[in-house]
Amino acid sequence: MPILVELSPENEARLAAEALVRGIAPEQYAGKLLDDALTPPSTSKLTREGLYAMLKEVGEGWENRPTLPTSAFTRESFYENRT
């Protein structure tokens, strides 16, 4: 479907430069940008190895975290400064 889009001279120059770097016409590059922007995010599943790597990264440094008493997690402690 043809669509006419008005670009500022600066954005037109940026679009032309990026298209030139990729070796395609500015119209093709603009279409690719729109396709990428309108494509829903990937729903690929995380592999077991990927999950373990992510959990390991999240857990790094936890041995240096401060130890809090369980009394810090009472209902009253969350609302002690409210009136």
Protein backbone atom coordinates (compact mmCIF):
# COMPACT_ATOMS: atom_id res chain seq x y z
CA MET A 1 0.00 0.00 0.00
CA PRO A 2 1.57 3.33 -0.94
CA ILE A 3 1.84 5.89 1.86
CA LEU A 4 3.17 9.42 1.52
CA VAL A 5 5.26 10.51 4.50
CA GLU A 6 6.58 14.04 4.93
CA LEU A 7 10.08 14.13 6.44
CA SER A 8 12.09 17.07 7.63
CA PRO A 9 15.18 17.75 5.52
CA GLU A 10 17.35 16.45 8.39
CA ASN A 11 15.48 13.17 8.67
CA GLU A 12 15.40 12.76 4.91
CA ALA A 13 19.19 13.15 4.84
CA ARG A 14 19.60 10.64 7.70
CA LEU A 15 17.32 8.16 5.95
CA ALA A 16 19.24 8.52 2.68
CA ALA A 17 22.59 8.12 4.46
CA GLU A 18 21.49 4.99 6.34
CA ALA A 19 20.05 3.50 3.16
CA LEU A 20 23.31 4.21 1.32
CA VAL A 21 25.31 2.45 4.04
CA ARG A 22 23.07 -0.60 3.61
CA GLY A 23 23.21 -0.41 -0.18
CA ILE A 24 19.45 -0.09 -0.68
CA ALA A 25 17.09 2.62 -1.87
CA PRO A 26 15.76 5.03 0.78
CA GLU A 27 12.22 3.83 0.04
CA GLN A 28 13.22 0.23 0.76
CA TYR A 29 14.97 1.24 3.97
CA ALA A 30 11.94 3.25 5.12
CA GLY A 31 9.74 0.22 4.45
CA LYS A 32 12.08 -2.00 6.46
CA LEU A 33 12.00 0.44 9.37
CA LEU A 34 8.20 0.40 9.35
CA ASP A 35 8.11 -3.39 9.11
CA ASP A 36 10.49 -3.69 12.08
CA ALA A 37 8.47 -1.19 14.11
CA LEU A 38 5.16 -2.94 13.39
CA THR A 39 6.35 -6.53 13.87
CA PRO A 40 5.32 -7.93 17.26
CA PRO A 41 8.16 -8.93 19.58
CA SER A 42 9.47 -12.46 19.24
CA THR A 43 7.79 -15.08 21.36
CA SER A 44 10.69 -17.50 21.15
CA LYS A 45 11.15 -19.69 24.19
CA LEU A 46 14.09 -19.35 26.51
CA THR A 47 16.36 -22.39 26.47
CA ARG A 48 17.38 -24.14 29.66
CA GLU A 49 20.96 -22.93 29.20
CA GLY A 50 19.73 -19.39 28.60
CA LEU A 51 17.62 -19.52 31.75
CA TYR A 52 20.55 -20.77 33.85
CA ALA A 53 22.82 -18.05 32.43
CA MET A 54 20.21 -15.37 33.18
CA LEU A 55 19.67 -16.63 36.75
CA LYS A 56 23.42 -16.79 37.36
CA GLU A 57 23.81 -13.20 36.18
CA VAL A 58 20.91 -12.02 38.36
CA GLY A 59 22.35 -13.82 41.37
CA GLU A 60 25.86 -12.40 41.10
CA GLY A 61 26.79 -10.30 44.12
CA TRP A 62 24.02 -11.62 46.36
CA GLU A 63 26.57 -12.91 48.86
CA ASN A 64 27.44 -9.26 49.61
CA ARG A 65 23.87 -8.16 50.29
CA PRO A 66 22.98 -6.92 53.77
CA THR A 67 21.25 -9.36 56.08
CA LEU A 68 17.93 -8.06 57.38
CA PRO A 69 16.06 -9.42 60.37
CA THR A 70 12.68 -10.98 59.68
CA SER A 71 11.09 -8.23 61.78
CA ALA A 72 11.90 -5.86 58.90
CA PHE A 73 9.24 -7.63 56.85
CA THR A 74 6.21 -7.30 59.08
CA ARG A 75 3.07 -5.54 57.95
CA GLU A 76 3.61 -2.89 60.59
CA SER A 77 7.13 -2.15 59.38
CA PHE A 78 5.84 -1.32 55.90
CA TYR A 79 3.32 1.20 57.22
CA GLU A 80 5.05 2.56 60.34
CA ASN A 81 5.49 6.13 59.02
CA ARG A 82 1.94 6.56 57.71
CA THR A 83 -0.78 8.40 59.53
